Amino acid sequence: MRIPQDLRFSVGGFSPKRMAYMLSACSFVLLPMHRRLPGEASEALAGFALMVALITAVLCSRIPREAPHWLLPRVLALLAFLMHLALVH
């Protein structure tokens, strides 16, 4: 299935797949911050991870299913979110 040209988009010149990978990586990079933040800020960081997971899911829906590893960014973002939930104190 091909995506029509009018439905294709990019964020800052990057493809949706590349942006999804970058957002997932940012979420993983923020994992050590839970040790340094107080409880409320740690919860806010977990909320940010939830937002990243949702945005990544939307971006992954724009990746053609014929593309290799089209689901991997979504899985990585969900894994990062679950790790953020485990680290909230």
N, C-alpha and C. Protein backbone atom coordinates (compact mmCIF):
# COMPACT_ATOMS: atom_id res chain seq x y z
N MET A 1 0.84 -1.17 0.00
CA MET A 1 0.00 0.00 0.00
C MET A 1 0.89 1.24 0.00
N ARG A 2 0.67 2.11 -0.93
CA ARG A 2 1.46 3.33 -1.02
C ARG A 2 0.68 4.49 -0.42
N ILE A 3 1.40 5.36 0.26
CA ILE A 3 0.78 6.54 0.86
C ILE A 3 0.72 7.63 -0.20
N PRO A 4 -0.45 8.21 -0.44
CA PRO A 4 -0.54 9.29 -1.43
C PRO A 4 0.37 10.46 -1.05
N GLN A 5 0.83 11.18 -2.06
CA GLN A 5 1.77 12.27 -1.84
C GLN A 5 1.20 13.35 -0.92
N ASP A 6 -0.09 13.64 -0.99
CA ASP A 6 -0.66 14.70 -0.16
C ASP A 6 -0.75 14.29 1.32
N LEU A 7 -0.65 12.98 1.63
CA LEU A 7 -0.69 12.53 3.01
C LEU A 7 0.70 12.37 3.61
N ARG A 8 1.73 12.45 2.81
CA ARG A 8 3.09 12.34 3.32
C ARG A 8 3.49 13.65 3.98
N PHE A 9 4.29 13.54 5.00
CA PHE A 9 4.77 14.74 5.66
C PHE A 9 6.12 14.45 6.29
N SER A 10 6.81 15.50 6.64
CA SER A 10 8.07 15.36 7.35
C SER A 10 8.12 16.43 8.43
N VAL A 11 8.91 16.18 9.44
CA VAL A 11 9.05 17.11 10.55
C VAL A 11 10.46 17.68 10.48
N GLY A 12 10.56 18.93 10.15
CA GLY A 12 11.87 19.56 10.06
C GLY A 12 12.74 18.93 8.99
N GLY A 13 12.15 18.39 7.95
CA GLY A 13 12.91 17.76 6.89
C GLY A 13 13.26 16.31 7.16
N PHE A 14 12.91 15.80 8.34
CA PHE A 14 13.19 14.41 8.69
C PHE A 14 11.95 13.56 8.43
N SER A 15 12.16 12.32 8.08
CA SER A 15 11.05 11.40 7.84
C SER A 15 10.39 11.04 9.18
N PRO A 16 9.14 10.59 9.15
CA PRO A 16 8.47 10.19 10.39
C PRO A 16 9.22 9.07 11.12
N LYS A 17 9.81 8.15 10.37
CA LYS A 17 10.54 7.05 11.00
C LYS A 17 11.76 7.58 11.75
N ARG A 18 12.49 8.49 11.15
CA ARG A 18 13.67 9.05 11.81
C ARG A 18 13.27 9.86 13.04
N MET A 19 12.20 10.62 12.95
CA MET A 19 11.74 11.39 14.11
C MET A 19 11.28 10.46 15.23
N ALA A 20 10.62 9.36 14.89
CA ALA A 20 10.18 8.41 15.91
C ALA A 20 11.38 7.79 16.62
N TYR A 21 12.42 7.44 15.87
CA TYR A 21 13.63 6.91 16.50
C TYR A 21 14.29 7.95 17.40
N MET A 22 14.33 9.20 16.96
CA MET A 22 14.96 10.25 17.77
C MET A 22 14.18 10.49 19.06
N LEU A 23 12.85 10.50 18.98
CA LEU A 23 12.04 10.68 20.19
C LEU A 23 12.23 9.51 21.16
N SER A 24 12.29 8.30 20.64
CA SER A 24 12.52 7.13 21.50
C SER A 24 13.88 7.22 22.18
N ALA A 25 14.89 7.63 21.44
CA ALA A 25 16.23 7.77 22.01
C ALA A 25 16.25 8.84 23.10
N CYS A 26 15.55 9.95 22.86
CA CYS A 26 15.49 11.01 23.88
C CYS A 26 14.82 10.50 25.16
N SER A 27 13.81 9.69 25.01
CA SER A 27 13.14 9.14 26.18
C SER A 27 14.08 8.22 26.97
N PHE A 28 14.89 7.42 26.26
CA PHE A 28 15.86 6.56 26.95
C PHE A 28 16.95 7.38 27.61
N VAL A 29 17.36 8.46 26.98
CA VAL A 29 18.43 9.30 27.55
C VAL A 29 17.97 9.95 28.85
N LEU A 30 16.69 10.22 28.99
CA LEU A 30 16.16 10.87 30.19
C LEU A 30 15.91 9.91 31.36
N LEU A 31 16.11 8.63 31.16
CA LEU A 31 15.87 7.66 32.23
C LEU A 31 16.71 7.92 33.49
N PRO A 32 18.00 8.24 33.40
CA PRO A 32 18.78 8.47 34.62
C PRO A 32 18.35 9.70 35.42
N MET A 33 17.56 10.57 34.84
CA MET A 33 17.12 11.77 35.55
C MET A 33 16.21 11.46 36.72
N HIS A 34 15.59 10.28 36.75
CA HIS A 34 14.67 9.95 37.84
C HIS A 34 15.39 9.92 39.19
N ARG A 35 16.67 9.56 39.20
CA ARG A 35 17.41 9.51 40.46
C ARG A 35 17.65 10.91 41.03
N ARG A 36 17.78 11.90 40.16
CA ARG A 36 18.14 13.24 40.60
C ARG A 36 16.94 14.14 40.88
N LEU A 37 15.78 13.74 40.43
CA LEU A 37 14.59 14.60 40.55
C LEU A 37 13.75 14.21 41.75
N PRO A 38 13.07 15.19 42.37
CA PRO A 38 12.12 14.85 43.43
C PRO A 38 10.90 14.12 42.85
N GLY A 39 10.03 13.65 43.72
CA GLY A 39 8.90 12.82 43.32
C GLY A 39 7.99 13.42 42.27
N GLU A 40 7.58 14.69 42.45
CA GLU A 40 6.65 15.31 41.50
C GLU A 40 7.30 15.51 40.14
N ALA A 41 8.56 15.88 40.13
CA ALA A 41 9.25 16.07 38.86
C ALA A 41 9.47 14.73 38.17
N SER A 42 9.68 13.69 38.95
CA SER A 42 9.82 12.35 38.39
C SER A 42 8.53 11.91 37.72
N GLU A 43 7.40 12.24 38.33
CA GLU A 43 6.11 11.93 37.73
C GLU A 43 5.89 12.72 36.44
N ALA A 44 6.34 13.97 36.44
CA ALA A 44 6.22 14.79 35.23
C ALA A 44 7.07 14.22 34.11
N LEU A 45 8.22 13.70 34.45
CA LEU A 45 9.09 13.08 33.45
C LEU A 45 8.44 11.83 32.88
N ALA A 46 7.76 11.07 33.71
CA ALA A 46 7.02 9.90 33.22
C ALA A 46 5.87 10.33 32.31
N GLY A 47 5.23 11.45 32.64
CA GLY A 47 4.19 12.00 31.77
C GLY A 47 4.75 12.41 30.42
N PHE A 48 5.96 13.00 30.45
CA PHE A 48 6.63 13.35 29.20
C PHE A 48 6.91 12.09 28.37
N ALA A 49 7.31 11.01 29.04
CA ALA A 49 7.57 9.75 28.34
C ALA A 49 6.28 9.20 27.71
N LEU A 50 5.15 9.40 28.39
CA LEU A 50 3.87 8.99 27.82
C LEU A 50 3.56 9.80 26.56
N MET A 51 3.80 11.10 26.63
CA MET A 51 3.57 11.95 25.45
C MET A 51 4.46 11.52 24.29
N VAL A 52 5.71 11.21 24.59
CA VAL A 52 6.64 10.76 23.55
C VAL A 52 6.15 9.45 22.94
N ALA A 53 5.66 8.54 23.77
CA ALA A 53 5.15 7.26 23.26
C ALA A 53 3.94 7.48 22.35
N LEU A 54 3.06 8.40 22.71
CA LEU A 54 1.88 8.67 21.88
C LEU A 54 2.28 9.34 20.56
N ILE A 55 3.18 10.30 20.63
CA ILE A 55 3.64 10.97 19.41
C ILE A 55 4.36 9.97 18.50
N THR A 56 5.15 9.09 19.10
CA THR A 56 5.84 8.07 18.31
C THR A 56 4.84 7.13 17.65
N ALA A 57 3.77 6.79 18.35
CA ALA A 57 2.74 5.93 17.76
C ALA A 57 2.09 6.61 16.56
N VAL A 58 1.84 7.91 16.67
CA VAL A 58 1.26 8.64 15.53
C VAL A 58 2.25 8.68 14.37
N LEU A 59 3.52 8.95 14.67
CA LEU A 59 4.52 8.98 13.62
C LEU A 59 4.68 7.62 12.96
N CYS A 60 4.61 6.55 13.74
CA CYS A 60 4.75 5.21 13.17
C CYS A 60 3.56 4.84 12.30
N SER A 61 2.42 5.45 12.55
CA SER A 61 1.27 5.18 11.69
C SER A 61 1.46 5.78 10.31
N ARG A 62 2.41 6.71 10.16
CA ARG A 62 2.69 7.32 8.88
C ARG A 62 3.77 6.59 8.10
N ILE A 63 4.37 5.55 8.69
CA ILE A 63 5.41 4.76 8.03
C ILE A 63 4.73 3.64 7.24
N PRO A 64 5.09 3.46 5.98
CA PRO A 64 4.48 2.36 5.21
C PRO A 64 4.82 1.01 5.84
N ARG A 65 3.88 0.11 5.84
CA ARG A 65 4.09 -1.19 6.49
C ARG A 65 5.08 -2.06 5.73
N GLU A 66 5.36 -1.71 4.49
CA GLU A 66 6.35 -2.48 3.74
C GLU A 66 7.77 -2.12 4.16
N ALA A 67 7.94 -1.02 4.86
CA ALA A 67 9.27 -0.59 5.31
C ALA A 67 9.78 -1.55 6.37
N PRO A 68 11.08 -1.85 6.35
CA PRO A 68 11.61 -2.75 7.38
C PRO A 68 11.59 -2.08 8.75
N HIS A 69 11.27 -2.84 9.75
CA HIS A 69 11.26 -2.40 11.15
C HIS A 69 10.32 -1.20 11.36
N TRP A 70 9.18 -1.18 10.72
CA TRP A 70 8.27 -0.05 10.85
C TRP A 70 7.65 0.03 12.24
N LEU A 71 7.64 -1.05 12.98
CA LEU A 71 7.03 -1.08 14.31
C LEU A 71 8.06 -0.85 15.42
N LEU A 72 9.34 -0.95 15.13
CA LEU A 72 10.38 -0.88 16.15
C LEU A 72 10.39 0.43 16.93
N PRO A 73 10.26 1.61 16.32
CA PRO A 73 10.25 2.84 17.14
C PRO A 73 9.11 2.87 18.14
N ARG A 74 7.95 2.36 17.76
CA ARG A 74 6.79 2.33 18.67
C ARG A 74 7.07 1.41 19.86
N VAL A 75 7.68 0.27 19.60
CA VAL A 75 8.02 -0.67 20.67
C VAL A 75 9.07 -0.07 21.61
N LEU A 76 10.07 0.61 21.04
CA LEU A 76 11.10 1.23 21.86
C LEU A 76 10.52 2.34 22.74
N ALA A 77 9.63 3.15 22.20
CA ALA A 77 9.01 4.22 22.98
C ALA A 77 8.14 3.64 24.10
N LEU A 78 7.42 2.56 23.82
CA LEU A 78 6.60 1.93 24.85
C LEU A 78 7.48 1.32 25.94
N LEU A 79 8.59 0.70 25.54
CA LEU A 79 9.52 0.15 26.51
C LEU A 79 10.12 1.25 27.38
N ALA A 80 10.48 2.37 26.78
CA ALA A 80 11.02 3.50 27.55
C ALA A 80 9.98 4.02 28.53
N PHE A 81 8.72 4.11 28.09
CA PHE A 81 7.65 4.58 28.97
C PHE A 81 7.47 3.64 30.16
N LEU A 82 7.50 2.34 29.91
CA LEU A 82 7.36 1.38 31.01
C LEU A 82 8.53 1.47 31.97
N MET A 83 9.72 1.72 31.46
CA MET A 83 10.88 1.89 32.33
C MET A 83 10.75 3.17 33.16
N HIS A 84 10.20 4.23 32.56
CA HIS A 84 9.96 5.47 33.30
C HIS A 84 8.96 5.21 34.42
N LEU A 85 7.90 4.46 34.14
CA LEU A 85 6.92 4.14 35.17
C LEU A 85 7.54 3.35 36.32
N ALA A 86 8.45 2.46 35.99
CA ALA A 86 9.10 1.65 37.03
C ALA A 86 10.03 2.49 37.91
N LEU A 87 10.56 3.58 37.36
CA LEU A 87 11.52 4.39 38.10
C LEU A 87 10.89 5.55 38.86
N VAL A 88 9.59 5.80 38.68
CA VAL A 88 8.94 6.89 39.40
C VAL A 88 8.92 6.55 40.88
N HIS A 89 9.28 7.55 41.69
CA HIS A 89 9.30 7.33 43.14
C HIS A 89 8.53 8.43 43.86
